[in-house]
Amino acid sequence: MSASFNSLSRKTRKGTASDMIAIVIVLAVIAVIAYVSGILKPESGGGNILPSDGQTVGQIVNLANLGIEESTHRHITKLHKQFNAHLGYGEWEKLDGEGWDAMAKEGLLDPMVYLKLGDELAKLEGAEDDMTTLAILAKHASDHQDVQSILYMHRILQDFDYWILADEPSDGEYWGVTQTYPNYSLKPLTQDAKEIIAFTKSK
């Protein structure tokens, strides 16, 4: 009886260990799939870096005192929404000639749009540089139908819309791709922002 019990106990323990290993493997596969999906579909759900204090630049400084009009924020919000329509939730993967033509007609790929915004935001430290980055990306995207350029543009505009020009925190996620936000949050420039700067300097 005791021998039978011990044998059964060993089999049970062996089975339990095998089950645990199988569960760990399944969870690891799920984690890898989720991670890779996040890399391959960056516009499907926003960024994954959140400002630790949750403050917007609009809360840190008085934008009106810097001569920044509400109309400038509305214009950036409009551009952000237009990019959302073309790129958000995996739409960027379906982009074709017709989509590029539509973006051009909407003015999304016109460098002058962003240079003018840079003039309007000139007193906000770093913003003019970010708008110049957008202008360079717009030109490169227009000339080469370069998807990476418009993905970068989308992220910069999202950060401006939700985390720089907003006067209160948003549910919108933060990409951490501007030079402006770190200037006011006293946070270091993110690696993503450095990569975009390097990308534009190569164009």
N, C-alpha and C. Protein backbone atom coordinates (compact mmCIF):
# COMPACT_ATOMS: atom_id res chain seq x y z
N MET A 1 0.83 -1.21 0.00
CA MET A 1 0.00 0.00 0.00
C MET A 1 0.86 1.25 0.00
N SER A 2 1.88 1.26 0.89
CA SER A 2 2.78 2.41 0.99
C SER A 2 3.56 2.59 -0.30
N ALA A 3 4.03 1.46 -0.88
CA ALA A 3 4.79 1.54 -2.13
C ALA A 3 3.94 2.10 -3.25
N SER A 4 2.69 1.66 -3.31
CA SER A 4 1.78 2.16 -4.34
C SER A 4 1.54 3.65 -4.18
N PHE A 5 1.36 4.05 -2.93
CA PHE A 5 1.11 5.47 -2.63
C PHE A 5 2.30 6.33 -3.06
N ASN A 6 3.52 5.87 -2.72
CA ASN A 6 4.73 6.62 -3.06
C ASN A 6 4.90 6.74 -4.56
N SER A 7 4.58 5.63 -5.27
CA SER A 7 4.68 5.64 -6.73
C SER A 7 3.71 6.65 -7.32
N LEU A 8 2.48 6.65 -6.82
CA LEU A 8 1.46 7.58 -7.30
C LEU A 8 1.86 9.02 -6.99
N SER A 9 2.43 9.21 -5.80
CA SER A 9 2.85 10.56 -5.39
C SER A 9 3.93 11.09 -6.31
N ARG A 10 4.90 10.19 -6.69
CA ARG A 10 5.97 10.62 -7.58
C ARG A 10 5.41 11.00 -8.95
N LYS A 11 4.46 10.19 -9.43
CA LYS A 11 3.85 10.47 -10.73
C LYS A 11 3.09 11.79 -10.71
N THR A 12 2.40 12.03 -9.58
CA THR A 12 1.63 13.27 -9.45
C THR A 12 2.55 14.48 -9.47
N ARG A 13 3.68 14.34 -8.67
CA ARG A 13 4.63 15.45 -8.63
C ARG A 13 5.24 15.69 -10.00
N LYS A 14 5.55 14.60 -10.71
CA LYS A 14 6.13 14.71 -12.04
C LYS A 14 5.16 15.38 -13.01
N GLY A 15 3.87 14.98 -12.89
CA GLY A 15 2.86 15.58 -13.75
C GLY A 15 2.68 17.06 -13.46
N THR A 16 2.69 17.41 -12.17
CA THR A 16 2.54 18.81 -11.78
C THR A 16 3.69 19.65 -12.31
N ALA A 17 4.90 19.14 -12.22
CA ALA A 17 6.08 19.86 -12.71
C ALA A 17 5.98 20.06 -14.22
N SER A 18 5.55 19.03 -14.94
CA SER A 18 5.40 19.14 -16.40
C SER A 18 4.36 20.18 -16.76
N ASP A 19 3.26 20.16 -16.01
CA ASP A 19 2.21 21.15 -16.25
C ASP A 19 2.73 22.57 -16.04
N MET A 20 3.50 22.76 -14.98
CA MET A 20 4.04 24.09 -14.68
C MET A 20 4.97 24.56 -15.79
N ILE A 21 5.81 23.65 -16.27
CA ILE A 21 6.73 24.00 -17.36
C ILE A 21 5.94 24.40 -18.60
N ALA A 22 4.89 23.64 -18.91
CA ALA A 22 4.06 23.95 -20.07
C ALA A 22 3.41 25.32 -19.94
N ILE A 23 2.93 25.63 -18.74
CA ILE A 23 2.28 26.93 -18.49
C ILE A 23 3.29 28.05 -18.67
N VAL A 24 4.49 27.87 -18.13
CA VAL A 24 5.54 28.89 -18.26
C VAL A 24 5.87 29.14 -19.72
N ILE A 25 5.98 28.06 -20.50
CA ILE A 25 6.30 28.19 -21.93
C ILE A 25 5.20 28.96 -22.66
N VAL A 26 3.95 28.61 -22.37
CA VAL A 26 2.82 29.29 -23.01
C VAL A 26 2.82 30.78 -22.68
N LEU A 27 3.04 31.11 -21.39
CA LEU A 27 3.07 32.52 -20.98
C LEU A 27 4.22 33.27 -21.64
N ALA A 28 5.36 32.61 -21.78
CA ALA A 28 6.51 33.24 -22.43
C ALA A 28 6.22 33.53 -23.89
N VAL A 29 5.58 32.57 -24.57
CA VAL A 29 5.21 32.77 -25.98
C VAL A 29 4.24 33.94 -26.12
N ILE A 30 3.25 34.01 -25.24
CA ILE A 30 2.28 35.10 -25.27
C ILE A 30 2.99 36.45 -25.07
N ALA A 31 3.93 36.49 -24.12
CA ALA A 31 4.66 37.73 -23.85
C ALA A 31 5.47 38.17 -25.06
N VAL A 32 6.12 37.21 -25.73
CA VAL A 32 6.92 37.54 -26.92
C VAL A 32 6.04 38.06 -28.04
N ILE A 33 4.90 37.40 -28.25
CA ILE A 33 3.97 37.84 -29.29
C ILE A 33 3.48 39.25 -29.02
N ALA A 34 3.14 39.53 -27.77
CA ALA A 34 2.67 40.87 -27.40
C ALA A 34 3.75 41.90 -27.62
N TYR A 35 4.99 41.55 -27.26
CA TYR A 35 6.11 42.49 -27.42
C TYR A 35 6.37 42.78 -28.89
N VAL A 36 6.44 41.70 -29.71
CA VAL A 36 6.70 41.87 -31.13
C VAL A 36 5.58 42.65 -31.79
N SER A 37 4.34 42.39 -31.40
CA SER A 37 3.20 43.13 -31.96
C SER A 37 3.33 44.61 -31.68
N GLY A 38 3.80 44.93 -30.49
CA GLY A 38 3.98 46.34 -30.14
C GLY A 38 5.01 47.01 -31.00
N ILE A 39 6.05 46.25 -31.42
CA ILE A 39 7.10 46.83 -32.26
C ILE A 39 6.62 46.95 -33.69
N LEU A 40 5.97 45.91 -34.18
CA LEU A 40 5.59 45.89 -35.59
C LEU A 40 4.36 46.74 -35.88
N LYS A 41 3.55 47.05 -34.86
CA LYS A 41 2.36 47.85 -35.07
C LYS A 41 2.36 49.03 -34.10
N PRO A 42 3.33 49.96 -34.29
CA PRO A 42 3.51 51.03 -33.31
C PRO A 42 2.37 52.02 -33.24
N GLU A 43 1.54 52.11 -34.29
CA GLU A 43 0.46 53.09 -34.27
C GLU A 43 -0.86 52.49 -33.81
N SER A 44 -0.84 51.25 -33.32
CA SER A 44 -2.09 50.60 -32.97
C SER A 44 -2.61 50.98 -31.60
N GLY A 45 -1.74 51.51 -30.73
CA GLY A 45 -2.25 51.81 -29.40
C GLY A 45 -1.51 52.91 -28.68
N GLY A 46 -0.67 53.64 -29.37
CA GLY A 46 0.03 54.74 -28.73
C GLY A 46 1.34 54.32 -28.10
N GLY A 47 1.95 55.26 -27.38
CA GLY A 47 3.27 55.01 -26.81
C GLY A 47 3.20 54.23 -25.51
N ASN A 48 4.36 53.99 -24.96
CA ASN A 48 4.39 53.23 -23.71
C ASN A 48 5.26 53.92 -22.67
N ILE A 49 5.58 55.21 -22.91
CA ILE A 49 6.34 55.97 -21.92
C ILE A 49 5.40 57.02 -21.36
N LEU A 50 5.23 57.05 -20.06
CA LEU A 50 4.35 58.06 -19.47
C LEU A 50 5.14 59.01 -18.59
N PRO A 51 4.87 60.31 -18.70
CA PRO A 51 5.54 61.25 -17.79
C PRO A 51 5.24 60.87 -16.35
N SER A 52 6.28 60.72 -15.54
CA SER A 52 6.08 60.20 -14.19
C SER A 52 5.22 61.11 -13.33
N ASP A 53 5.30 62.44 -13.57
CA ASP A 53 4.49 63.35 -12.75
C ASP A 53 3.14 63.63 -13.38
N GLY A 54 2.94 63.14 -14.62
CA GLY A 54 1.65 63.30 -15.28
C GLY A 54 1.29 64.73 -15.66
N GLN A 55 2.27 65.64 -15.65
CA GLN A 55 1.98 67.03 -15.98
C GLN A 55 2.20 67.32 -17.46
N THR A 56 1.40 68.23 -18.00
CA THR A 56 1.63 68.72 -19.35
C THR A 56 2.46 69.98 -19.27
N VAL A 57 3.08 70.35 -20.39
CA VAL A 57 3.83 71.61 -20.42
C VAL A 57 2.88 72.78 -20.16
N GLY A 58 1.64 72.65 -20.66
CA GLY A 58 0.65 73.69 -20.43
C GLY A 58 0.32 73.91 -18.97
N GLN A 59 0.58 72.91 -18.13
CA GLN A 59 0.40 73.06 -16.68
C GLN A 59 1.65 73.66 -16.03
N ILE A 60 2.79 73.36 -16.62
CA ILE A 60 4.05 73.81 -16.04
C ILE A 60 4.29 75.29 -16.31
N VAL A 61 3.94 75.74 -17.51
CA VAL A 61 4.13 77.15 -17.86
C VAL A 61 2.82 77.71 -18.40
N ASN A 62 2.70 79.03 -18.37
CA ASN A 62 1.53 79.71 -18.93
C ASN A 62 1.77 79.95 -20.41
N LEU A 63 1.15 79.15 -21.25
CA LEU A 63 1.39 79.25 -22.68
C LEU A 63 0.93 80.58 -23.25
N ALA A 64 -0.15 81.12 -22.69
CA ALA A 64 -0.66 82.41 -23.16
C ALA A 64 0.39 83.51 -22.96
N ASN A 65 1.12 83.43 -21.85
CA ASN A 65 2.16 84.42 -21.58
C ASN A 65 3.31 84.33 -22.58
N LEU A 66 3.42 83.18 -23.25
CA LEU A 66 4.44 83.01 -24.28
C LEU A 66 3.90 83.37 -25.66
N GLY A 67 2.69 83.91 -25.68
CA GLY A 67 2.09 84.34 -26.94
C GLY A 67 1.57 83.20 -27.80
N ILE A 68 1.33 82.05 -27.17
CA ILE A 68 0.84 80.90 -27.93
C ILE A 68 -0.69 80.91 -27.90
N GLU A 69 -1.28 80.99 -29.08
CA GLU A 69 -2.73 81.10 -29.21
C GLU A 69 -3.39 79.73 -29.14
N GLU A 70 -4.62 79.73 -28.68
CA GLU A 70 -5.41 78.49 -28.65
C GLU A 70 -5.60 77.96 -30.07
N SER A 71 -5.64 78.85 -31.05
CA SER A 71 -5.82 78.43 -32.44
C SER A 71 -4.66 77.55 -32.92
N THR A 72 -3.46 77.77 -32.36
CA THR A 72 -2.31 76.94 -32.72
C THR A 72 -2.53 75.52 -32.22
N HIS A 73 -3.02 75.41 -30.98
CA HIS A 73 -3.31 74.07 -30.45
C HIS A 73 -4.41 73.41 -31.28
N ARG A 74 -5.43 74.16 -31.65
CA ARG A 74 -6.52 73.57 -32.44
C ARG A 74 -6.00 73.06 -33.78
N HIS A 75 -5.07 73.81 -34.37
CA HIS A 75 -4.50 73.39 -35.66
C HIS A 75 -3.72 72.09 -35.49
N ILE A 76 -2.92 71.97 -34.43
CA ILE A 76 -2.16 70.74 -34.19
C ILE A 76 -3.09 69.58 -33.87
N THR A 77 -4.16 69.85 -33.13
CA THR A 77 -5.16 68.81 -32.85
C THR A 77 -5.77 68.30 -34.15
N LYS A 78 -6.07 69.23 -35.06
CA LYS A 78 -6.65 68.84 -36.35
C LYS A 78 -5.67 67.96 -37.14
N LEU A 79 -4.40 68.37 -37.19
CA LEU A 79 -3.39 67.58 -37.89
C LEU A 79 -3.26 66.19 -37.27
N HIS A 80 -3.26 66.16 -35.94
CA HIS A 80 -3.15 64.88 -35.22
C HIS A 80 -4.32 63.96 -35.59
N LYS A 81 -5.52 64.50 -35.61
CA LYS A 81 -6.70 63.70 -35.95
C LYS A 81 -6.62 63.19 -37.38
N GLN A 82 -6.11 64.03 -38.29
CA GLN A 82 -5.98 63.60 -39.68
C GLN A 82 -4.98 62.45 -39.80
N PHE A 83 -3.87 62.56 -39.09
CA PHE A 83 -2.91 61.46 -39.10
C PHE A 83 -3.51 60.20 -38.47
N ASN A 84 -4.29 60.38 -37.40
CA ASN A 84 -4.97 59.22 -36.80
C ASN A 84 -5.80 58.48 -37.83
N ALA A 85 -6.52 59.24 -38.64
CA ALA A 85 -7.42 58.64 -39.63
C ALA A 85 -6.64 57.84 -40.67
N HIS A 86 -5.45 58.33 -41.03
CA HIS A 86 -4.66 57.66 -42.06
C HIS A 86 -3.78 56.53 -41.52
N LEU A 87 -3.36 56.65 -40.25
CA LEU A 87 -2.34 55.73 -39.74
C LEU A 87 -2.76 54.90 -38.54
N GLY A 88 -3.71 55.40 -37.76
CA GLY A 88 -4.05 54.75 -36.50
C GLY A 88 -4.62 53.36 -36.64
N TYR A 89 -4.39 52.56 -35.60
CA TYR A 89 -4.96 51.21 -35.50
C TYR A 89 -4.63 50.34 -36.71
N GLY A 90 -3.36 50.42 -37.13
CA GLY A 90 -2.89 49.56 -38.21
C GLY A 90 -3.18 50.05 -39.61
N GLU A 91 -3.84 51.22 -39.75
CA GLU A 91 -4.15 51.74 -41.09
C GLU A 91 -2.89 52.04 -41.88
N TRP A 92 -1.79 52.36 -41.17
CA TRP A 92 -0.54 52.67 -41.87
C TRP A 92 -0.05 51.48 -42.70
N GLU A 93 -0.42 50.27 -42.30
CA GLU A 93 0.02 49.08 -43.04
C GLU A 93 -0.72 48.96 -44.39
N LYS A 94 -1.87 49.63 -44.50
CA LYS A 94 -2.67 49.53 -45.72
C LYS A 94 -2.46 50.72 -46.65
N LEU A 95 -1.53 51.61 -46.28
CA LEU A 95 -1.34 52.84 -47.03
C LEU A 95 -0.93 52.56 -48.47
N ASP A 96 -1.66 53.17 -49.42
CA ASP A 96 -1.36 52.99 -50.84
C ASP A 96 -1.25 54.35 -51.51
N GLY A 97 -1.14 54.35 -52.83
CA GLY A 97 -0.99 55.60 -53.57
C GLY A 97 -2.12 56.57 -53.31
N GLU A 98 -3.32 56.04 -53.22
CA GLU A 98 -4.49 56.89 -52.96
C GLU A 98 -4.39 57.55 -51.59
N GLY A 99 -3.89 56.79 -50.62
CA GLY A 99 -3.73 57.33 -49.28
C GLY A 99 -2.69 58.44 -49.24
N TRP A 100 -1.58 58.24 -49.95
CA TRP A 100 -0.55 59.28 -50.02
C TRP A 100 -1.09 60.54 -50.69
N ASP A 101 -1.86 60.36 -51.75
CA ASP A 101 -2.46 61.51 -52.43
C ASP A 101 -3.40 62.27 -51.50
N ALA A 102 -4.17 61.53 -50.70
CA ALA A 102 -5.12 62.16 -49.78
C ALA A 102 -4.37 62.97 -48.72
N MET A 103 -3.29 62.43 -48.20
CA MET A 103 -2.51 63.16 -47.20
C MET A 103 -1.91 64.43 -47.79
N ALA A 104 -1.45 64.34 -49.04
CA ALA A 104 -0.88 65.52 -49.70
C ALA A 104 -1.95 66.59 -49.89
N LYS A 105 -3.14 66.18 -50.32
CA LYS A 105 -4.23 67.14 -50.54
C LYS A 105 -4.67 67.81 -49.25
N GLU A 106 -4.55 67.10 -48.15
CA GLU A 106 -4.94 67.65 -46.84
C GLU A 106 -3.85 68.55 -46.25
N GLY A 107 -2.71 68.64 -46.94
CA GLY A 107 -1.63 69.50 -46.46
C GLY A 107 -0.75 68.87 -45.41
N LEU A 108 -0.92 67.58 -45.16
CA LEU A 108 -0.15 66.92 -44.11
C LEU A 108 1.32 66.77 -44.46
N LEU A 109 1.62 66.82 -45.77
CA LEU A 109 3.00 66.62 -46.21
C LEU A 109 3.64 67.91 -46.70
N ASP A 110 3.04 69.03 -46.37
CA ASP A 110 3.56 70.34 -46.78
C ASP A 110 4.49 70.88 -45.69
N PRO A 111 5.78 70.96 -45.95
CA PRO A 111 6.72 71.45 -44.92
C PRO A 111 6.38 72.84 -44.39
N MET A 112 5.80 73.68 -45.24
CA MET A 112 5.50 75.05 -44.82
C MET A 112 4.46 75.09 -43.71
N VAL A 113 3.59 74.11 -43.66
CA VAL A 113 2.59 74.04 -42.58
C VAL A 113 3.29 74.00 -41.22
N TYR A 114 4.35 73.20 -41.14
CA TYR A 114 5.04 73.00 -39.87
C TYR A 114 6.00 74.14 -39.56
N LEU A 115 6.59 74.72 -40.59
CA LEU A 115 7.47 75.87 -40.36
C LEU A 115 6.66 77.06 -39.84
N LYS A 116 5.44 77.23 -40.35
CA LYS A 116 4.57 78.30 -39.86
C LYS A 116 4.19 78.04 -38.39
N LEU A 117 3.89 76.79 -38.06
CA LEU A 117 3.60 76.45 -36.67
C LEU A 117 4.82 76.72 -35.79
N GLY A 118 6.00 76.49 -36.34
CA GLY A 118 7.22 76.76 -35.60
C GLY A 118 7.34 78.24 -35.25
N ASP A 119 6.93 79.10 -36.18
CA ASP A 119 6.93 80.55 -35.90
C ASP A 119 5.96 80.87 -34.77
N GLU A 120 4.81 80.23 -34.79
CA GLU A 120 3.78 80.50 -33.78
C GLU A 120 4.20 79.98 -32.40
N LEU A 121 5.08 78.98 -32.39
CA LEU A 121 5.51 78.35 -31.13
C LEU A 121 6.93 78.75 -30.74
N ALA A 122 7.47 79.77 -31.39
CA ALA A 122 8.90 80.11 -31.25
C ALA A 122 9.33 80.37 -29.82
N LYS A 123 8.44 80.89 -28.98
CA LYS A 123 8.83 81.23 -27.60
C LYS A 123 8.77 80.04 -26.65
N LEU A 124 8.30 78.91 -27.17
CA LEU A 124 8.24 77.68 -26.37
C LEU A 124 9.52 76.90 -26.67
N GLU A 125 10.39 76.81 -25.68
CA GLU A 125 11.73 76.26 -25.91
C GLU A 125 11.69 74.83 -26.46
N GLY A 126 12.32 74.66 -27.61
CA GLY A 126 12.37 73.34 -28.24
C GLY A 126 11.32 73.14 -29.31
N ALA A 127 10.22 73.91 -29.25
CA ALA A 127 9.10 73.68 -30.17
C ALA A 127 9.45 74.00 -31.61
N GLU A 128 10.21 75.07 -31.81
CA GLU A 128 10.59 75.43 -33.17
C GLU A 128 11.45 74.33 -33.79
N ASP A 129 12.34 73.75 -32.98
CA ASP A 129 13.15 72.63 -33.47
C ASP A 129 12.27 71.44 -33.83
N ASP A 130 11.27 71.17 -33.00
CA ASP A 130 10.37 70.05 -33.28
C ASP A 130 9.57 70.28 -34.56
N MET A 131 9.15 71.52 -34.78
CA MET A 131 8.40 71.82 -36.00
C MET A 131 9.29 71.74 -37.24
N THR A 132 10.57 72.12 -37.07
CA THR A 132 11.52 71.97 -38.18
C THR A 132 11.72 70.49 -38.49
N THR A 133 11.78 69.67 -37.45
CA THR A 133 11.86 68.21 -37.63
C THR A 133 10.66 67.72 -38.42
N LEU A 134 9.47 68.20 -38.06
CA LEU A 134 8.25 67.80 -38.79
C LEU A 134 8.33 68.22 -40.26
N ALA A 135 8.85 69.41 -40.51
CA ALA A 135 8.96 69.90 -41.89
C ALA A 135 9.90 69.01 -42.71
N ILE A 136 11.03 68.63 -42.11
CA ILE A 136 11.99 67.75 -42.80
C ILE A 136 11.36 66.39 -43.08
N LEU A 137 10.66 65.86 -42.08
CA LEU A 137 9.99 64.57 -42.24
C LEU A 137 8.91 64.64 -43.32
N ALA A 138 8.16 65.75 -43.34
CA ALA A 138 7.10 65.92 -44.33
C ALA A 138 7.68 65.93 -45.74
N LYS A 139 8.78 66.64 -45.93
CA LYS A 139 9.43 66.71 -47.24
C LYS A 139 9.92 65.33 -47.67
N HIS A 140 10.57 64.63 -46.75
CA HIS A 140 11.09 63.29 -47.08
C HIS A 140 9.94 62.32 -47.37
N ALA A 141 8.88 62.41 -46.58
CA ALA A 141 7.72 61.53 -46.80
C ALA A 141 7.08 61.80 -48.15
N SER A 142 6.96 63.09 -48.49
CA SER A 142 6.34 63.47 -49.77
C SER A 142 7.18 63.01 -50.96
N ASP A 143 8.50 63.18 -50.84
CA ASP A 143 9.39 62.85 -51.96
C ASP A 143 9.54 61.35 -52.16
N HIS A 144 9.48 60.58 -51.07
CA HIS A 144 9.82 59.15 -51.15
C HIS A 144 8.71 58.22 -50.68
N GLN A 145 7.55 58.78 -50.34
CA GLN A 145 6.46 57.96 -49.77
C GLN A 145 7.02 57.07 -48.66
N ASP A 146 7.73 57.70 -47.75
CA ASP A 146 8.41 56.99 -46.67
C ASP A 146 7.51 56.87 -45.45
N VAL A 147 7.12 55.65 -45.14
CA VAL A 147 6.18 55.40 -44.05
C VAL A 147 6.80 55.76 -42.69
N GLN A 148 8.08 55.46 -42.50
CA GLN A 148 8.70 55.76 -41.21
C GLN A 148 8.62 57.25 -40.88
N SER A 149 8.76 58.09 -41.90
CA SER A 149 8.69 59.54 -41.68
C SER A 149 7.32 59.96 -41.16
N ILE A 150 6.26 59.42 -41.74
CA ILE A 150 4.93 59.84 -41.29
C ILE A 150 4.56 59.23 -39.94
N LEU A 151 5.13 58.06 -39.61
CA LEU A 151 4.91 57.50 -38.28
C LEU A 151 5.55 58.41 -37.23
N TYR A 152 6.76 58.88 -37.52
CA TYR A 152 7.43 59.81 -36.61
C TYR A 152 6.61 61.10 -36.48
N MET A 153 6.10 61.60 -37.60
CA MET A 153 5.30 62.83 -37.57
C MET A 153 4.08 62.67 -36.68
N HIS A 154 3.42 61.54 -36.84
CA HIS A 154 2.22 61.26 -36.05
C HIS A 154 2.52 61.29 -34.56
N ARG A 155 3.63 60.70 -34.18
CA ARG A 155 3.98 60.63 -32.76
C ARG A 155 4.32 62.01 -32.19
N ILE A 156 5.05 62.80 -32.96
CA ILE A 156 5.39 64.15 -32.51
C ILE A 156 4.12 64.97 -32.30
N LEU A 157 3.22 64.90 -33.26
CA LEU A 157 1.97 65.66 -33.16
C LEU A 157 1.13 65.19 -31.98
N GLN A 158 1.13 63.89 -31.71
CA GLN A 158 0.38 63.39 -30.56
C GLN A 158 0.93 63.95 -29.26
N ASP A 159 2.25 63.95 -29.13
CA ASP A 159 2.85 64.49 -27.91
C ASP A 159 2.52 65.97 -27.74
N PHE A 160 2.54 66.72 -28.85
CA PHE A 160 2.19 68.14 -28.77
C PHE A 160 0.72 68.33 -28.40
N ASP A 161 -0.13 67.55 -29.01
CA ASP A 161 -1.56 67.69 -28.77
C ASP A 161 -1.93 67.34 -27.33
N TYR A 162 -1.41 66.22 -26.84
CA TYR A 162 -1.83 65.71 -25.54
C TYR A 162 -0.95 66.15 -24.36
N TRP A 163 0.35 66.37 -24.61
CA TRP A 163 1.27 66.54 -23.49
C TRP A 163 2.07 67.84 -23.49
N ILE A 164 1.94 68.64 -24.52
CA ILE A 164 2.66 69.92 -24.54
C ILE A 164 1.69 71.09 -24.52
N LEU A 165 0.77 71.13 -25.45
CA LEU A 165 -0.13 72.28 -25.55
C LEU A 165 -1.39 72.14 -24.71
N ALA A 166 -1.66 70.95 -24.21
CA ALA A 166 -2.85 70.75 -23.37
C ALA A 166 -2.63 71.38 -21.99
N ASP A 167 -3.69 71.92 -21.42
CA ASP A 167 -3.56 72.54 -20.10
C ASP A 167 -3.97 71.61 -18.97
N GLU A 168 -4.23 70.36 -19.31
CA GLU A 168 -4.50 69.34 -18.28
C GLU A 168 -4.15 67.97 -18.86
N PRO A 169 -3.84 67.00 -18.00
CA PRO A 169 -3.46 65.67 -18.49
C PRO A 169 -4.54 65.05 -19.37
N SER A 170 -4.08 64.27 -20.32
CA SER A 170 -4.99 63.62 -21.26
C SER A 170 -4.93 62.11 -21.08
N ASP A 171 -5.95 61.42 -21.57
CA ASP A 171 -5.91 59.97 -21.61
C ASP A 171 -4.98 59.49 -22.73
N GLY A 172 -4.63 60.42 -23.63
CA GLY A 172 -3.77 60.06 -24.74
C GLY A 172 -2.38 59.69 -24.26
N GLU A 173 -1.82 58.65 -24.84
CA GLU A 173 -0.52 58.16 -24.40
C GLU A 173 0.62 59.05 -24.91
N TYR A 174 1.72 58.97 -24.21
CA TYR A 174 2.88 59.83 -24.46
C TYR A 174 3.99 59.03 -25.14
N TRP A 175 4.45 59.52 -26.32
CA TRP A 175 5.49 58.81 -27.06
C TRP A 175 6.89 59.19 -26.58
N GLY A 176 7.06 60.41 -26.09
CA GLY A 176 8.38 60.85 -25.67
C GLY A 176 9.32 61.10 -26.83
N VAL A 177 8.83 61.80 -27.88
CA VAL A 177 9.63 61.98 -29.10
C VAL A 177 9.91 63.44 -29.43
N THR A 178 9.65 64.34 -28.49
CA THR A 178 9.91 65.76 -28.77
C THR A 178 11.11 66.26 -27.97
N GLN A 179 11.63 67.40 -28.42
CA GLN A 179 12.67 68.10 -27.66
C GLN A 179 12.03 69.07 -26.67
N THR A 180 10.78 69.43 -26.92
CA THR A 180 10.10 70.43 -26.10
C THR A 180 9.77 69.91 -24.71
N TYR A 181 9.16 68.73 -24.64
CA TYR A 181 8.71 68.25 -23.33
C TYR A 181 9.85 68.14 -22.31
N PRO A 182 10.99 67.54 -22.67
CA PRO A 182 12.07 67.45 -21.68
C PRO A 182 12.56 68.81 -21.19
N ASN A 183 12.49 69.83 -22.04
CA ASN A 183 12.95 71.16 -21.62
C ASN A 183 12.16 71.70 -20.43
N TYR A 184 10.88 71.33 -20.35
CA TYR A 184 10.03 71.86 -19.28
C TYR A 184 9.79 70.87 -18.16
N SER A 185 9.91 69.59 -18.45
CA SER A 185 9.68 68.57 -17.42
C SER A 185 10.97 68.22 -16.68
N LEU A 186 12.09 68.77 -17.19
CA LEU A 186 13.41 68.49 -16.62
C LEU A 186 13.75 67.01 -16.69
N LYS A 187 13.22 66.35 -17.72
CA LYS A 187 13.52 64.95 -17.96
C LYS A 187 14.52 64.85 -19.11
N PRO A 188 15.36 63.83 -19.14
CA PRO A 188 16.31 63.69 -20.25
C PRO A 188 15.61 63.39 -21.56
N LEU A 189 16.26 63.74 -22.63
CA LEU A 189 15.76 63.41 -23.96
C LEU A 189 15.71 61.89 -24.09
N THR A 190 14.59 61.37 -24.58
CA THR A 190 14.46 59.91 -24.69
C THR A 190 15.27 59.39 -25.87
N GLN A 191 15.51 58.10 -25.87
CA GLN A 191 16.23 57.48 -26.98
C GLN A 191 15.44 57.61 -28.27
N ASP A 192 14.11 57.52 -28.18
CA ASP A 192 13.26 57.67 -29.38
C ASP A 192 13.43 59.06 -29.98
N ALA A 193 13.48 60.08 -29.14
CA ALA A 193 13.66 61.45 -29.63
C ALA A 193 15.02 61.58 -30.31
N LYS A 194 16.04 61.00 -29.71
CA LYS A 194 17.39 61.05 -30.30
C LYS A 194 17.42 60.36 -31.66
N GLU A 195 16.69 59.26 -31.78
CA GLU A 195 16.65 58.53 -33.05
C GLU A 195 15.98 59.35 -34.14
N ILE A 196 14.92 60.07 -33.77
CA ILE A 196 14.24 60.92 -34.76
C ILE A 196 15.15 62.06 -35.20
N ILE A 197 15.84 62.67 -34.26
CA ILE A 197 16.78 63.76 -34.59
C ILE A 197 17.85 63.24 -35.54
N ALA A 198 18.41 62.07 -35.23
CA ALA A 198 19.44 61.47 -36.10
C ALA A 198 18.87 61.15 -37.48
N PHE A 199 17.64 60.66 -37.50
CA PHE A 199 16.97 60.31 -38.76
C PHE A 199 16.82 61.54 -39.65
N THR A 200 16.37 62.65 -39.07
CA THR A 200 16.17 63.86 -39.87
C THR A 200 17.49 64.47 -40.33
N LYS A 201 18.52 64.34 -39.52
CA LYS A 201 19.83 64.88 -39.92
C LYS A 201 20.43 64.10 -41.08
N SER A 202 19.98 62.87 -41.26
CA SER A 202 20.49 62.05 -42.35
C SER A 202 19.77 62.31 -43.65
N LYS A 203 18.70 63.10 -43.62
CA LYS A 203 17.89 63.35 -44.82
C LYS A 203 18.32 64.63 -45.54
